Amino acid sequence: MFPSKKVQSLIGTKIQVEMKGSPRHILEGVLNSVDEYLNLHLLETVEIVNGEKTRSLGSVILRGNNIILISPAE
């Protein structure tokens, strides 16, 4: 299965996304849409630092080339 098809199967579910950069950025939200470049639109997004939810970001668009890891949230 192609990565974009696997990510498209997660639309409507809560996911965690690890972003490039230092310190480590993790965002958690409901996947609303994804395109062929793995750009993501998340709803109800929150930022997670050191395992703690720190702030609410709402609707966020993430550029695919800045994403390290996408996983279903627990």
C-alpha atoms as a PDB file:
ATOM      1  CA  MET A   1       0.000   0.000   0.000  1.00  0.00           C
ATOM      2  CA  PHE A   2       1.350   3.463  -0.889  1.00  0.00           C
ATOM      3  CA  PRO A   3       1.994   5.803   2.074  1.00  0.00           C
ATOM      4  CA  SER A   4      -0.535   8.379   0.822  1.00  0.00           C
ATOM      5  CA  LYS A   5      -3.261   5.690   0.594  1.00  0.00           C
ATOM      6  CA  LYS A   6      -2.473   4.510   4.126  1.00  0.00           C
ATOM      7  CA  VAL A   7      -2.690   8.081   5.466  1.00  0.00           C
ATOM      8  CA  GLN A   8      -5.944   8.668   3.537  1.00  0.00           C
ATOM      9  CA  SER A   9      -7.412   5.660   5.354  1.00  0.00           C
ATOM     10  CA  LEU A  10      -6.863   7.605   8.630  1.00  0.00           C
ATOM     11  CA  ILE A  11      -9.133  10.530   7.624  1.00  0.00           C
ATOM     12  CA  GLY A  12     -11.630  11.210  10.403  1.00  0.00           C
ATOM     13  CA  THR A  13      -9.458   9.644  13.108  1.00  0.00           C
ATOM     14  CA  LYS A  14      -7.145  11.194  15.688  1.00  0.00           C
ATOM     15  CA  ILE A  15      -3.457  11.064  14.739  1.00  0.00           C
ATOM     16  CA  GLN A  16      -0.117  12.220  16.127  1.00  0.00           C
ATOM     17  CA  VAL A  17       2.389  13.925  13.853  1.00  0.00           C
ATOM     18  CA  GLU A  18       6.070  14.423  14.676  1.00  0.00           C
ATOM     19  CA  MET A  19       7.516  17.486  12.950  1.00  0.00           C
ATOM     20  CA  LYS A  20      11.105  18.349  12.003  1.00  0.00           C
ATOM     21  CA  GLY A  21      12.989  20.767  14.208  1.00  0.00           C
ATOM     22  CA  SER A  22      14.532  21.097  17.574  1.00  0.00           C
ATOM     23  CA  PRO A  23      13.036  20.732  20.123  1.00  0.00           C
ATOM     24  CA  ARG A  24      10.877  17.809  19.028  1.00  0.00           C
ATOM     25  CA  HIS A  25       7.401  18.981  17.995  1.00  0.00           C
ATOM     26  CA  ILE A  26       4.431  16.611  18.271  1.00  0.00           C
ATOM     27  CA  LEU A  27       0.935  17.634  17.228  1.00  0.00           C
ATOM     28  CA  GLU A  28      -2.238  15.639  17.817  1.00  0.00           C
ATOM     29  CA  GLY A  29      -5.512  16.211  16.023  1.00  0.00           C
ATOM     30  CA  VAL A  30      -8.269  14.804  13.840  1.00  0.00           C
ATOM     31  CA  LEU A  31      -7.109  14.270  10.257  1.00  0.00           C
ATOM     32  CA  ASN A  32      -9.478  16.190   7.976  1.00  0.00           C
ATOM     33  CA  SER A  33      -7.705  15.825   4.616  1.00  0.00           C
ATOM     34  CA  VAL A  34      -4.439  14.823   2.938  1.00  0.00           C
ATOM     35  CA  ASP A  35      -3.052  15.378  -0.573  1.00  0.00           C
ATOM     36  CA  GLU A  36      -0.491  13.583  -2.785  1.00  0.00           C
ATOM     37  CA  TYR A  37       2.396  15.504  -1.128  1.00  0.00           C
ATOM     38  CA  LEU A  38       1.236  14.347   2.344  1.00  0.00           C
ATOM     39  CA  ASN A  39       0.225  17.887   3.298  1.00  0.00           C
ATOM     40  CA  LEU A  40      -2.200  17.415   6.193  1.00  0.00           C
ATOM     41  CA  HIS A  41      -5.179  19.394   7.488  1.00  0.00           C
ATOM     42  CA  LEU A  42      -5.808  18.680  11.177  1.00  0.00           C
ATOM     43  CA  LEU A  43      -8.766  19.811  13.274  1.00  0.00           C
ATOM     44  CA  GLU A  44      -8.914  20.156  17.081  1.00  0.00           C
ATOM     45  CA  THR A  45      -5.100  20.184  17.110  1.00  0.00           C
ATOM     46  CA  VAL A  46      -3.081  20.334  20.327  1.00  0.00           C
ATOM     47  CA  GLU A  47       0.683  20.637  20.822  1.00  0.00           C
ATOM     48  CA  ILE A  48       2.397  17.998  22.967  1.00  0.00           C
ATOM     49  CA  VAL A  49       5.658  18.783  24.779  1.00  0.00           C
ATOM     50  CA  ASN A  50       7.337  16.188  27.023  1.00  0.00           C
ATOM     51  CA  GLY A  51       4.190  14.040  26.919  1.00  0.00           C
ATOM     52  CA  GLU A  52       1.948  16.885  28.166  1.00  0.00           C
ATOM     53  CA  LYS A  53      -0.674  18.698  26.093  1.00  0.00           C
ATOM     54  CA  THR A  54       0.471  22.318  26.285  1.00  0.00           C
ATOM     55  CA  ARG A  55      -1.739  24.423  24.011  1.00  0.00           C
ATOM     56  CA  SER A  56      -4.702  24.166  21.687  1.00  0.00           C
ATOM     57  CA  LEU A  57      -4.072  25.211  18.062  1.00  0.00           C
ATOM     58  CA  GLY A  58      -7.454  24.443  16.444  1.00  0.00           C
ATOM     59  CA  SER A  59      -7.329  24.002  12.658  1.00  0.00           C
ATOM     60  CA  VAL A  60      -3.780  23.480  11.321  1.00  0.00           C
ATOM     61  CA  ILE A  61      -2.288  22.775   7.894  1.00  0.00           C
ATOM     62  CA  LEU A  62       1.031  20.894   7.948  1.00  0.00           C
ATOM     63  CA  ARG A  63       3.398  20.817   4.995  1.00  0.00           C
ATOM     64  CA  GLY A  64       4.367  17.272   4.044  1.00  0.00           C
ATOM     65  CA  ASN A  65       8.115  17.873   3.756  1.00  0.00           C
ATOM     66  CA  ASN A  66       8.266  18.949   7.431  1.00  0.00           C
ATOM     67  CA  ILE A  67       6.709  15.717   8.726  1.00  0.00           C
ATOM     68  CA  ILE A  68       8.879  12.949  10.191  1.00  0.00           C
ATOM     69  CA  LEU A  69       6.249  10.518  11.497  1.00  0.00           C
ATOM     70  CA  ILE A  70       2.472  10.027  11.313  1.00  0.00           C
ATOM     71  CA  SER A  71       0.781   7.579  13.670  1.00  0.00           C
ATOM     72  CA  PRO A  72      -2.721   6.879  14.999  1.00  0.00           C
ATOM     73  CA  ALA A  73      -3.254   8.451  18.437  1.00  0.00           C
ATOM     74  CA  GLU A  74      -3.896   6.188  21.385  1.00  0.00           C
END
